[in-house]
Amino acid sequence: MALPTDSWDRFLRSTGLDELPQLWNVLRGQMSRFGRQLPRYGERLRFHPGITGWAQVHGWRGDTSIRSRVECDLHYLRHWSLALDFRILWMTGADLLRRLRRAAASRETPDARSA
């Protein structure tokens, strides 16, 4: 007995079996759509990701332009140095302090600010 199409689709999706055709693409090394759209995308895989990076300290995090993040990653690869790593750490710390100050200021009551 055949399942109705929508039931079959739900079954495939809920079990993850709908992803199986992509296994072939992974095995052939053709999984990344970004690799086809952005030249040199694969070069960014030469380094393991860290807790922060050149893209993140420039505001390219989360749901932002993948093109801009890749450009920053490639800039990092081309210009890597210990000094650049320290600069990224410094910028990350400065950004963290700014965020903490903003959060603390937003928690203050109007009466506490005027005192």
PDB file of N, CA and C in Angstrom:
ATOM      1  N   MET A   1       0.831  -1.175   0.000  1.00  0.00           N
ATOM      2  CA  MET A   1       0.000   0.000   0.000  1.00  0.00           C
ATOM      3  C   MET A   1       0.881   1.246   0.000  1.00  0.00           C
ATOM      4  N   ALA A   2       0.652   2.112  -0.935  1.00  0.00           N
ATOM      5  CA  ALA A   2       1.455   3.322  -1.071  1.00  0.00           C
ATOM      6  C   ALA A   2       0.980   4.390  -0.097  1.00  0.00           C
ATOM      7  N   LEU A   3       1.955   5.110   0.449  1.00  0.00           N
ATOM      8  CA  LEU A   3       1.635   6.229   1.328  1.00  0.00           C
ATOM      9  C   LEU A   3       1.264   7.446   0.489  1.00  0.00           C
ATOM     10  N   PRO A   4       0.329   8.282   0.965  1.00  0.00           N
ATOM     11  CA  PRO A   4       0.064   9.531   0.252  1.00  0.00           C
ATOM     12  C   PRO A   4       1.340  10.371   0.208  1.00  0.00           C
ATOM     13  N   THR A   5       1.475  11.168  -0.831  1.00  0.00           N
ATOM     14  CA  THR A   5       2.703  11.935  -1.046  1.00  0.00           C
ATOM     15  C   THR A   5       3.088  12.791   0.150  1.00  0.00           C
ATOM     16  N   ASP A   6       2.139  13.509   0.740  1.00  0.00           N
ATOM     17  CA  ASP A   6       2.498  14.366   1.865  1.00  0.00           C
ATOM     18  C   ASP A   6       2.959  13.552   3.071  1.00  0.00           C
ATOM     19  N   SER A   7       2.398  12.372   3.283  1.00  0.00           N
ATOM     20  CA  SER A   7       2.857  11.499   4.377  1.00  0.00           C
ATOM     21  C   SER A   7       4.269  11.002   4.096  1.00  0.00           C
ATOM     22  N   TRP A   8       4.529  10.640   2.872  1.00  0.00           N
ATOM     23  CA  TRP A   8       5.863  10.173   2.464  1.00  0.00           C
ATOM     24  C   TRP A   8       6.892  11.293   2.650  1.00  0.00           C
ATOM     25  N   ASP A   9       6.533  12.506   2.228  1.00  0.00           N
ATOM     26  CA  ASP A   9       7.432  13.650   2.392  1.00  0.00           C
ATOM     27  C   ASP A   9       7.738  13.897   3.870  1.00  0.00           C
ATOM     28  N   ARG A  10       6.694  13.851   4.703  1.00  0.00           N
ATOM     29  CA  ARG A  10       6.879  14.059   6.147  1.00  0.00           C
ATOM     30  C   ARG A  10       7.777  12.971   6.730  1.00  0.00           C
ATOM     31  N   PHE A  11       7.578  11.733   6.292  1.00  0.00           N
ATOM     32  CA  PHE A  11       8.400  10.624   6.770  1.00  0.00           C
ATOM     33  C   PHE A  11       9.868  10.841   6.389  1.00  0.00           C
ATOM     34  N   LEU A  12      10.117  11.171   5.142  1.00  0.00           N
ATOM     35  CA  LEU A  12      11.490  11.396   4.693  1.00  0.00           C
ATOM     36  C   LEU A  12      12.147  12.523   5.484  1.00  0.00           C
ATOM     37  N   ARG A  13      11.411  13.615   5.674  1.00  0.00           N
ATOM     38  CA  ARG A  13      11.958  14.768   6.386  1.00  0.00           C
ATOM     39  C   ARG A  13      12.206  14.445   7.854  1.00  0.00           C
ATOM     40  N   SER A  14      11.257  13.795   8.499  1.00  0.00           N
ATOM     41  CA  SER A  14      11.381  13.508   9.933  1.00  0.00           C
ATOM     42  C   SER A  14      12.505  12.521  10.234  1.00  0.00           C
ATOM     43  N   THR A  15      12.828  11.649   9.293  1.00  0.00           N
ATOM     44  CA  THR A  15      13.894  10.669   9.507  1.00  0.00           C
ATOM     45  C   THR A  15      15.245  11.154   8.983  1.00  0.00           C
ATOM     46  N   GLY A  16      15.234  12.251   8.228  1.00  0.00           N
ATOM     47  CA  GLY A  16      16.482  12.745   7.653  1.00  0.00           C
ATOM     48  C   GLY A  16      16.878  12.024   6.379  1.00  0.00           C
ATOM     49  N   LEU A  17      16.055  11.092   5.926  1.00  0.00           N
ATOM     50  CA  LEU A  17      16.387  10.344   4.710  1.00  0.00           C
ATOM     51  C   LEU A  17      16.386  11.222   3.466  1.00  0.00           C
ATOM     52  N   ASP A  18      15.724  12.383   3.546  1.00  0.00           N
ATOM     53  CA  ASP A  18      15.717  13.279   2.392  1.00  0.00           C
ATOM     54  C   ASP A  18      17.097  13.881   2.135  1.00  0.00           C
ATOM     55  N   GLU A  19      18.019  13.739   3.089  1.00  0.00           N
ATOM     56  CA  GLU A  19      19.373  14.250   2.928  1.00  0.00           C
ATOM     57  C   GLU A  19      20.303  13.251   2.241  1.00  0.00           C
ATOM     58  N   LEU A  20      19.888  12.018   2.099  1.00  0.00           N
ATOM     59  CA  LEU A  20      20.759  10.996   1.516  1.00  0.00           C
ATOM     60  C   LEU A  20      21.306  11.340   0.130  1.00  0.00           C
ATOM     61  N   PRO A  21      20.496  11.931  -0.769  1.00  0.00           N
ATOM     62  CA  PRO A  21      21.068  12.258  -2.074  1.00  0.00           C
ATOM     63  C   PRO A  21      22.281  13.195  -1.987  1.00  0.00           C
ATOM     64  N   GLN A  22      22.339  13.985  -0.914  1.00  0.00           N
ATOM     65  CA  GLN A  22      23.474  14.891  -0.777  1.00  0.00           C
ATOM     66  C   GLN A  22      24.755  14.157  -0.403  1.00  0.00           C
ATOM     67  N   LEU A  23      24.624  12.933   0.116  1.00  0.00           N
ATOM     68  CA  LEU A  23      25.800  12.141   0.447  1.00  0.00           C
ATOM     69  C   LEU A  23      26.701  11.976  -0.778  1.00  0.00           C
ATOM     70  N   TRP A  24      26.100  11.755  -1.917  1.00  0.00           N
ATOM     71  CA  TRP A  24      26.870  11.604  -3.155  1.00  0.00           C
ATOM     72  C   TRP A  24      27.679  12.871  -3.442  1.00  0.00           C
ATOM     73  N   ASN A  25      27.053  14.040  -3.265  1.00  0.00           N
ATOM     74  CA  ASN A  25      27.754  15.310  -3.480  1.00  0.00           C
ATOM     75  C   ASN A  25      28.904  15.489  -2.494  1.00  0.00           C
ATOM     76  N   VAL A  26      28.687  15.091  -1.245  1.00  0.00           N
ATOM     77  CA  VAL A  26      29.746  15.190  -0.239  1.00  0.00           C
ATOM     78  C   VAL A  26      30.910  14.297  -0.634  1.00  0.00           C
ATOM     79  N   LEU A  27      30.618  13.065  -1.020  1.00  0.00           N
ATOM     80  CA  LEU A  27      31.676  12.131  -1.398  1.00  0.00           C
ATOM     81  C   LEU A  27      32.461  12.614  -2.610  1.00  0.00           C
ATOM     82  N   ARG A  28      31.794  13.333  -3.501  1.00  0.00           N
ATOM     83  CA  ARG A  28      32.473  13.873  -4.691  1.00  0.00           C
ATOM     84  C   ARG A  28      33.164  15.193  -4.399  1.00  0.00           C
ATOM     85  N   GLY A  29      32.991  15.725  -3.185  1.00  0.00           N
ATOM     86  CA  GLY A  29      33.624  16.989  -2.829  1.00  0.00           C
ATOM     87  C   GLY A  29      32.925  18.191  -3.429  1.00  0.00           C
ATOM     88  N   GLN A  30      31.658  18.064  -3.750  1.00  0.00           N
ATOM     89  CA  GLN A  30      30.933  19.152  -4.402  1.00  0.00           C
ATOM     90  C   GLN A  30      29.770  19.641  -3.542  1.00  0.00           C
ATOM     91  N   MET A  31      29.915  19.559  -2.225  1.00  0.00           N
ATOM     92  CA  MET A  31      28.796  19.899  -1.362  1.00  0.00           C
ATOM     93  C   MET A  31      28.606  21.399  -1.201  1.00  0.00           C
ATOM     94  N   SER A  32      29.666  22.147  -1.155  1.00  0.00           N
ATOM     95  CA  SER A  32      29.563  23.550  -0.805  1.00  0.00           C
ATOM     96  C   SER A  32      29.053  24.413  -1.946  1.00  0.00           C
ATOM     97  N   ARG A  33      27.865  24.958  -1.789  1.00  0.00           N
ATOM     98  CA  ARG A  33      27.362  25.893  -2.796  1.00  0.00           C
ATOM     99  C   ARG A  33      28.154  27.186  -2.742  1.00  0.00           C
ATOM    100  N   PHE A  34      28.670  27.531  -1.546  1.00  0.00           N
ATOM    101  CA  PHE A  34      29.481  28.742  -1.441  1.00  0.00           C
ATOM    102  C   PHE A  34      30.786  28.582  -2.214  1.00  0.00           C
ATOM    103  N   GLY A  35      31.296  27.368  -2.239  1.00  0.00           N
ATOM    104  CA  GLY A  35      32.521  27.110  -2.984  1.00  0.00           C
ATOM    105  C   GLY A  35      32.354  27.394  -4.468  1.00  0.00           C
ATOM    106  N   ARG A  36      31.147  27.197  -4.977  1.00  0.00           N
ATOM    107  CA  ARG A  36      30.897  27.493  -6.393  1.00  0.00           C
ATOM    108  C   ARG A  36      30.625  28.983  -6.601  1.00  0.00           C
ATOM    109  N   GLN A  37      30.026  29.630  -5.606  1.00  0.00           N
ATOM    110  CA  GLN A  37      29.644  31.030  -5.759  1.00  0.00           C
ATOM    111  C   GLN A  37      30.766  32.007  -5.429  1.00  0.00           C
ATOM    112  N   LEU A  38      31.637  31.626  -4.503  1.00  0.00           N
ATOM    113  CA  LEU A  38      32.670  32.537  -4.033  1.00  0.00           C
ATOM    114  C   LEU A  38      34.050  31.964  -4.317  1.00  0.00           C
ATOM    115  N   PRO A  39      34.789  32.627  -5.182  1.00  0.00           N
ATOM    116  CA  PRO A  39      36.135  32.134  -5.485  1.00  0.00           C
ATOM    117  C   PRO A  39      36.978  32.052  -4.210  1.00  0.00           C
ATOM    118  N   ARG A  40      37.769  31.024  -4.093  1.00  0.00           N
ATOM    119  CA  ARG A  40      38.714  30.821  -3.001  1.00  0.00           C
ATOM    120  C   ARG A  40      38.033  30.539  -1.665  1.00  0.00           C
ATOM    121  N   TYR A  41      36.733  30.207  -1.676  1.00  0.00           N
ATOM    122  CA  TYR A  41      36.004  29.905  -0.444  1.00  0.00           C
ATOM    123  C   TYR A  41      36.681  28.779   0.339  1.00  0.00           C
ATOM    124  N   GLY A  42      37.126  27.761  -0.354  1.00  0.00           N
ATOM    125  CA  GLY A  42      37.724  26.600   0.300  1.00  0.00           C
ATOM    126  C   GLY A  42      39.025  26.901   1.018  1.00  0.00           C
ATOM    127  N   GLU A  43      39.708  27.983   0.634  1.00  0.00           N
ATOM    128  CA  GLU A  43      40.972  28.325   1.281  1.00  0.00           C
ATOM    129  C   GLU A  43      40.792  28.629   2.755  1.00  0.00           C
ATOM    130  N   ARG A  44      39.604  29.100   3.132  1.00  0.00           N
ATOM    131  CA  ARG A  44      39.385  29.458   4.527  1.00  0.00           C
ATOM    132  C   ARG A  44      39.392  28.240   5.431  1.00  0.00           C
ATOM    133  N   LEU A  45      39.354  27.047   4.848  1.00  0.00           N
ATOM    134  CA  LEU A  45      39.365  25.831   5.639  1.00  0.00           C
ATOM    135  C   LEU A  45      40.777  25.412   6.042  1.00  0.00           C
ATOM    136  N   ARG A  46      41.781  26.174   5.602  1.00  0.00           N
ATOM    137  CA  ARG A  46      43.160  25.855   5.968  1.00  0.00           C
ATOM    138  C   ARG A  46      43.399  26.035   7.466  1.00  0.00           C
ATOM    139  N   PHE A  47      42.647  26.930   8.098  1.00  0.00           N
ATOM    140  CA  PHE A  47      42.788  27.179   9.522  1.00  0.00           C
ATOM    141  C   PHE A  47      41.543  26.695  10.234  1.00  0.00           C
ATOM    142  N   HIS A  48      41.722  26.183  11.424  1.00  0.00           N
ATOM    143  CA  HIS A  48      40.575  25.781  12.237  1.00  0.00           C
ATOM    144  C   HIS A  48      39.928  27.032  12.812  1.00  0.00           C
ATOM    145  N   PRO A  49      38.611  27.043  12.888  1.00  0.00           N
ATOM    146  CA  PRO A  49      37.946  28.215  13.442  1.00  0.00           C
ATOM    147  C   PRO A  49      38.274  28.383  14.917  1.00  0.00           C
ATOM    148  N   GLY A  50      38.319  29.629  15.340  1.00  0.00           N
ATOM    149  CA  GLY A  50      38.585  29.942  16.738  1.00  0.00           C
ATOM    150  C   GLY A  50      37.358  30.547  17.390  1.00  0.00           C
ATOM    151  N   ILE A  51      37.560  31.106  18.564  1.00  0.00           N
ATOM    152  CA  ILE A  51      36.438  31.701  19.281  1.00  0.00           C
ATOM    153  C   ILE A  51      36.100  33.088  18.757  1.00  0.00           C
ATOM    154  N   THR A  52      37.025  33.672  18.032  1.00  0.00           N
ATOM    155  CA  THR A  52      36.782  34.974  17.414  1.00  0.00           C
ATOM    156  C   THR A  52      37.604  35.029  16.137  1.00  0.00           C
ATOM    157  N   GLY A  53      37.459  36.070  15.378  1.00  0.00           N
ATOM    158  CA  GLY A  53      38.215  36.178  14.141  1.00  0.00           C
ATOM    159  C   GLY A  53      38.081  37.553  13.528  1.00  0.00           C
ATOM    160  N   TRP A  54      38.779  37.758  12.427  1.00  0.00           N
ATOM    161  CA  TRP A  54      38.803  39.039  11.740  1.00  0.00           C
ATOM    162  C   TRP A  54      37.401  39.462  11.305  1.00  0.00           C
ATOM    163  N   ALA A  55      36.606  38.522  10.840  1.00  0.00           N
ATOM    164  CA  ALA A  55      35.237  38.851  10.421  1.00  0.00           C
ATOM    165  C   ALA A  55      34.390  39.261  11.621  1.00  0.00           C
ATOM    166  N   GLN A  56      34.518  38.540  12.723  1.00  0.00           N
ATOM    167  CA  GLN A  56      33.690  38.815  13.894  1.00  0.00           C
ATOM    168  C   GLN A  56      33.991  40.194  14.483  1.00  0.00           C
ATOM    169  N   VAL A  57      35.258  40.564  14.556  1.00  0.00           N
ATOM    170  CA  VAL A  57      35.586  41.868  15.150  1.00  0.00           C
ATOM    171  C   VAL A  57      35.200  43.030  14.238  1.00  0.00           C
ATOM    172  N   HIS A  58      34.850  42.705  13.006  1.00  0.00           N
ATOM    173  CA  HIS A  58      34.356  43.736  12.084  1.00  0.00           C
ATOM    174  C   HIS A  58      32.831  43.681  11.942  1.00  0.00           C
ATOM    175  N   GLY A  59      32.191  42.925  12.823  1.00  0.00           N
ATOM    176  CA  GLY A  59      30.732  42.899  12.849  1.00  0.00           C
ATOM    177  C   GLY A  59      30.074  41.878  11.942  1.00  0.00           C
ATOM    178  N   TRP A  60      30.850  41.038  11.279  1.00  0.00           N
ATOM    179  CA  TRP A  60      30.275  40.026  10.373  1.00  0.00           C
ATOM    180  C   TRP A  60      30.101  38.732  11.125  1.00  0.00           C
ATOM    181  N   ARG A  61      29.030  38.642  11.876  1.00  0.00           N
ATOM    182  CA  ARG A  61      28.720  37.424  12.622  1.00  0.00           C
ATOM    183  C   ARG A  61      27.235  37.143  12.494  1.00  0.00           C
ATOM    184  N   GLY A  62      26.877  35.895  12.769  1.00  0.00           N
ATOM    185  CA  GLY A  62      25.460  35.536  12.705  1.00  0.00           C
ATOM    186  C   GLY A  62      24.919  35.589  11.294  1.00  0.00           C
ATOM    187  N   ASP A  63      23.743  36.160  11.154  1.00  0.00           N
ATOM    188  CA  ASP A  63      23.055  36.207   9.860  1.00  0.00           C
ATOM    189  C   ASP A  63      23.502  37.437   9.076  1.00  0.00           C
ATOM    190  N   THR A  64      24.745  37.393   8.612  1.00  0.00           N
ATOM    191  CA  THR A  64      25.314  38.499   7.833  1.00  0.00           C
ATOM    192  C   THR A  64      25.850  37.959   6.509  1.00  0.00           C
ATOM    193  N   SER A  65      26.403  38.830   5.721  1.00  0.00           N
ATOM    194  CA  SER A  65      26.885  38.484   4.385  1.00  0.00           C
ATOM    195  C   SER A  65      27.986  37.426   4.422  1.00  0.00           C
ATOM    196  N   ILE A  66      27.728  36.282   3.840  1.00  0.00           N
ATOM    197  CA  ILE A  66      28.756  35.245   3.758  1.00  0.00           C
ATOM    198  C   ILE A  66      29.931  35.739   2.921  1.00  0.00           C
ATOM    199  N   ARG A  67      29.645  36.526   1.896  1.00  0.00           N
ATOM    200  CA  ARG A  67      30.716  37.069   1.054  1.00  0.00           C
ATOM    201  C   ARG A  67      31.671  37.925   1.882  1.00  0.00           C
ATOM    202  N   SER A  68      31.140  38.780   2.732  1.00  0.00           N
ATOM    203  CA  SER A  68      31.983  39.639   3.567  1.00  0.00           C
ATOM    204  C   SER A  68      32.776  38.823   4.581  1.00  0.00           C
ATOM    205  N   ARG A  69      32.141  37.797   5.146  1.00  0.00           N
ATOM    206  CA  ARG A  69      32.858  36.949   6.100  1.00  0.00           C
ATOM    207  C   ARG A  69      33.999  36.207   5.416  1.00  0.00           C
ATOM    208  N   VAL A  70      33.753  35.712   4.206  1.00  0.00           N
ATOM    209  CA  VAL A  70      34.807  35.001   3.469  1.00  0.00           C
ATOM    210  C   VAL A  70      35.943  35.958   3.122  1.00  0.00           C
ATOM    211  N   GLU A  71      35.619  37.176   2.698  1.00  0.00           N
ATOM    212  CA  GLU A  71      36.659  38.162   2.389  1.00  0.00           C
ATOM    213  C   GLU A  71      37.525  38.428   3.614  1.00  0.00           C
ATOM    214  N   CYS A  72      36.889  38.562   4.780  1.00  0.00           N
ATOM    215  CA  CYS A  72      37.658  38.765   6.013  1.00  0.00           C
ATOM    216  C   CYS A  72      38.519  37.553   6.339  1.00  0.00           C
ATOM    217  N   ASP A  73      37.974  36.360   6.175  1.00  0.00           N
ATOM    218  CA  ASP A  73      38.748  35.149   6.436  1.00  0.00           C
ATOM    219  C   ASP A  73      39.955  35.055   5.508  1.00  0.00           C
ATOM    220  N   LEU A  74      39.755  35.381   4.252  1.00  0.00           N
ATOM    221  CA  LEU A  74      40.868  35.335   3.296  1.00  0.00           C
ATOM    222  C   LEU A  74      41.904  36.414   3.605  1.00  0.00           C
ATOM    223  N   HIS A  75      41.450  37.586   4.045  1.00  0.00           N
ATOM    224  CA  HIS A  75      42.385  38.644   4.468  1.00  0.00           C
ATOM    225  C   HIS A  75      43.241  38.128   5.621  1.00  0.00           C
ATOM    226  N   TYR A  76      42.585  37.461   6.578  1.00  0.00           N
ATOM    227  CA  TYR A  76      43.316  36.899   7.716  1.00  0.00           C
ATOM    228  C   TYR A  76      44.361  35.889   7.241  1.00  0.00           C
ATOM    229  N   LEU A  77      43.978  35.010   6.327  1.00  0.00           N
ATOM    230  CA  LEU A  77      44.923  33.998   5.834  1.00  0.00           C
ATOM    231  C   LEU A  77      46.112  34.625   5.122  1.00  0.00           C
ATOM    232  N   ARG A  78      45.846  35.661   4.320  1.00  0.00           N
ATOM    233  CA  ARG A  78      46.931  36.307   3.561  1.00  0.00           C
ATOM    234  C   ARG A  78      47.863  37.120   4.452  1.00  0.00           C
ATOM    235  N   HIS A  79      47.342  37.642   5.563  1.00  0.00           N
ATOM    236  CA  HIS A  79      48.118  38.559   6.399  1.00  0.00           C
ATOM    237  C   HIS A  79      48.381  38.023   7.798  1.00  0.00           C
ATOM    238  N   TRP A  80      48.239  36.708   7.960  1.00  0.00           N
ATOM    239  CA  TRP A  80      48.370  36.155   9.294  1.00  0.00           C
ATOM    240  C   TRP A  80      49.714  36.494   9.907  1.00  0.00           C
ATOM    241  N   SER A  81      49.688  36.859  11.172  1.00  0.00           N
ATOM    242  CA  SER A  81      50.884  37.046  11.977  1.00  0.00           C
ATOM    243  C   SER A  81      50.454  36.959  13.431  1.00  0.00           C
ATOM    244  N   LEU A  82      51.422  36.796  14.301  1.00  0.00           N
ATOM    245  CA  LEU A  82      51.121  36.789  15.724  1.00  0.00           C
ATOM    246  C   LEU A  82      50.545  38.145  16.129  1.00  0.00           C
ATOM    247  N   ALA A  83      51.065  39.218  15.525  1.00  0.00           N
ATOM    248  CA  ALA A  83      50.565  40.563  15.820  1.00  0.00           C
ATOM    249  C   ALA A  83      49.084  40.692  15.424  1.00  0.00           C
ATOM    250  N   LEU A  84      48.712  40.111  14.292  1.00  0.00           N
ATOM    251  CA  LEU A  84      47.309  40.174  13.870  1.00  0.00           C
ATOM    252  C   LEU A  84      46.426  39.394  14.846  1.00  0.00           C
ATOM    253  N   ASP A  85      46.907  38.248  15.317  1.00  0.00           N
ATOM    254  CA  ASP A  85      46.138  37.489  16.303  1.00  0.00           C
ATOM    255  C   ASP A  85      45.953  38.302  17.584  1.00  0.00           C
ATOM    256  N   PHE A  86      47.011  38.981  18.039  1.00  0.00           N
ATOM    257  CA  PHE A  86      46.886  39.821  19.232  1.00  0.00           C
ATOM    258  C   PHE A  86      45.945  40.999  18.990  1.00  0.00           C
ATOM    259  N   ARG A  87      45.989  41.545  17.785  1.00  0.00           N
ATOM    260  CA  ARG A  87      45.068  42.648  17.455  1.00  0.00           C
ATOM    261  C   ARG A  87      43.612  42.171  17.523  1.00  0.00           C
ATOM    262  N   ILE A  88      43.351  40.987  17.004  1.00  0.00           N
ATOM    263  CA  ILE A  88      41.993  40.423  17.051  1.00  0.00           C
ATOM    264  C   ILE A  88      41.566  40.216  18.503  1.00  0.00           C
ATOM    265  N   LEU A  89      42.471  39.681  19.329  1.00  0.00           N
ATOM    266  CA  LEU A  89      42.141  39.499  20.743  1.00  0.00           C
ATOM    267  C   LEU A  89      41.851  40.839  21.416  1.00  0.00           C
ATOM    268  N   TRP A  90      42.668  41.844  21.133  1.00  0.00           N
ATOM    269  CA  TRP A  90      42.466  43.182  21.692  1.00  0.00           C
ATOM    270  C   TRP A  90      41.116  43.750  21.256  1.00  0.00           C
ATOM    271  N   MET A  91      40.807  43.639  19.969  1.00  0.00           N
ATOM    272  CA  MET A  91      39.541  44.161  19.451  1.00  0.00           C
ATOM    273  C   MET A  91      38.350  43.403  20.046  1.00  0.00           C
ATOM    274  N   THR A  92      38.513  42.099  20.258  1.00  0.00           N
ATOM    275  CA  THR A  92      37.452  41.300  20.868  1.00  0.00           C
ATOM    276  C   THR A  92      37.208  41.762  22.303  1.00  0.00           C
ATOM    277  N   GLY A  93      38.285  41.973  23.047  1.00  0.00           N
ATOM    278  CA  GLY A  93      38.155  42.455  24.421  1.00  0.00           C
ATOM    279  C   GLY A  93      37.516  43.834  24.490  1.00  0.00           C
ATOM    280  N   ALA A  94      37.923  44.721  23.599  1.00  0.00           N
ATOM    281  CA  ALA A  94      37.357  46.071  23.571  1.00  0.00           C
ATOM    282  C   ALA A  94      35.868  46.015  23.237  1.00  0.00           C
ATOM    283  N   ASP A  95      35.500  45.164  22.308  1.00  0.00           N
ATOM    284  CA  ASP A  95      34.088  45.018  21.944  1.00  0.00           C
ATOM    285  C   ASP A  95      33.285  44.464  23.116  1.00  0.00           C
ATOM    286  N   LEU A  96      33.852  43.498  23.805  1.00  0.00           N
ATOM    287  CA  LEU A  96      33.179  42.925  24.968  1.00  0.00           C
ATOM    288  C   LEU A  96      32.943  43.998  26.040  1.00  0.00           C
ATOM    289  N   LEU A  97      33.964  44.816  26.314  1.00  0.00           N
ATOM    290  CA  LEU A  97      33.809  45.886  27.304  1.00  0.00           C
ATOM    291  C   LEU A  97      32.730  46.884  26.889  1.00  0.00           C
ATOM    292  N   ARG A  98      32.692  47.255  25.604  1.00  0.00           N
ATOM    293  CA  ARG A  98      31.649  48.170  25.118  1.00  0.00           C
ATOM    294  C   ARG A  98      30.264  47.577  25.331  1.00  0.00           C
ATOM    295  N   ARG A  99      30.119  46.299  25.027  1.00  0.00           N
ATOM    296  CA  ARG A  99      28.819  45.633  25.195  1.00  0.00           C
ATOM    297  C   ARG A  99      28.417  45.575  26.671  1.00  0.00           C
ATOM    298  N   LEU A 100      29.383  45.286  27.539  1.00  0.00           N
ATOM    299  CA  LEU A 100      29.084  45.241  28.969  1.00  0.00           C
ATOM    300  C   LEU A 100      28.680  46.610  29.493  1.00  0.00           C
ATOM    301  N   ARG A 101      29.375  47.650  29.053  1.00  0.00           N
ATOM    302  CA  ARG A 101      29.020  49.016  29.481  1.00  0.00           C
ATOM    303  C   ARG A 101      27.627  49.394  28.999  1.00  0.00           C
ATOM    304  N   ARG A 102      27.312  49.052  27.736  1.00  0.00           N
ATOM    305  CA  ARG A 102      25.975  49.354  27.214  1.00  0.00           C
ATOM    306  C   ARG A 102      24.899  48.618  27.994  1.00  0.00           C
ATOM    307  N   ALA A 103      25.161  47.349  28.296  1.00  0.00           N
ATOM    308  CA  ALA A 103      24.190  46.558  29.052  1.00  0.00           C
ATOM    309  C   ALA A 103      23.998  47.133  30.446  1.00  0.00           C
ATOM    310  N   ALA A 104      25.098  47.542  31.100  1.00  0.00           N
ATOM    311  CA  ALA A 104      24.996  48.125  32.434  1.00  0.00           C
ATOM    312  C   ALA A 104      24.248  49.449  32.384  1.00  0.00           C
ATOM    313  N   ALA A 105      24.516  50.258  31.374  1.00  0.00           N
ATOM    314  CA  ALA A 105      23.840  51.555  31.250  1.00  0.00           C
ATOM    315  C   ALA A 105      22.351  51.376  30.992  1.00  0.00           C
ATOM    316  N   SER A 106      21.971  50.347  30.248  1.00  0.00           N
ATOM    317  CA  SER A 106      20.556  50.142  29.952  1.00  0.00           C
ATOM    318  C   SER A 106      19.801  49.620  31.173  1.00  0.00           C
ATOM    319  N   ARG A 107      20.522  49.015  32.120  1.00  0.00           N
ATOM    320  CA  ARG A 107      19.878  48.510  33.336  1.00  0.00           C
ATOM    321  C   ARG A 107      19.685  49.602  34.382  1.00  0.00           C
ATOM    322  N   GLU A 108      20.429  50.698  34.262  1.00  0.00           N
ATOM    323  CA  GLU A 108      20.313  51.792  35.230  1.00  0.00           C
ATOM    324  C   GLU A 108      18.926  52.421  35.127  1.00  0.00           C
ATOM    325  N   THR A 109      18.425  52.816  36.250  1.00  0.00           N
ATOM    326  CA  THR A 109      17.135  53.526  36.260  1.00  0.00           C
ATOM    327  C   THR A 109      17.390  55.012  35.996  1.00  0.00           C
ATOM    328  N   PRO A 110      16.397  55.755  35.532  1.00  0.00           N
ATOM    329  CA  PRO A 110      16.590  57.192  35.307  1.00  0.00           C
ATOM    330  C   PRO A 110      17.032  57.919  36.576  1.00  0.00           C
ATOM    331  N   ASP A 111      16.533  57.513  37.748  1.00  0.00           N
ATOM    332  CA  ASP A 111      16.912  58.173  39.004  1.00  0.00           C
ATOM    333  C   ASP A 111      18.371  57.907  39.336  1.00  0.00           C
ATOM    334  N   ALA A 112      18.858  56.701  39.062  1.00  0.00           N
ATOM    335  CA  ALA A 112      20.247  56.367  39.358  1.00  0.00           C
ATOM    336  C   ALA A 112      21.196  57.129  38.462  1.00  0.00           C
ATOM    337  N   ARG A 113      20.820  57.422  37.226  1.00  0.00           N
ATOM    338  CA  ARG A 113      21.697  58.165  36.302  1.00  0.00           C
ATOM    339  C   ARG A 113      21.822  59.621  36.725  1.00  0.00           C
ATOM    340  N   SER A 114      20.776  60.202  37.267  1.00  0.00           N
ATOM    341  CA  SER A 114      20.821  61.632  37.617  1.00  0.00           C
ATOM    342  C   SER A 114      21.486  61.873  38.960  1.00  0.00           C
ATOM    343  N   ALA A 115      21.699  60.805  39.762  1.00  0.00           N
ATOM    344  CA  ALA A 115      22.277  60.980  41.098  1.00  0.00           C
ATOM    345  C   ALA A 115      23.778  61.151  41.027  1.00  0.00           C
TER     346      ALA A 115
END
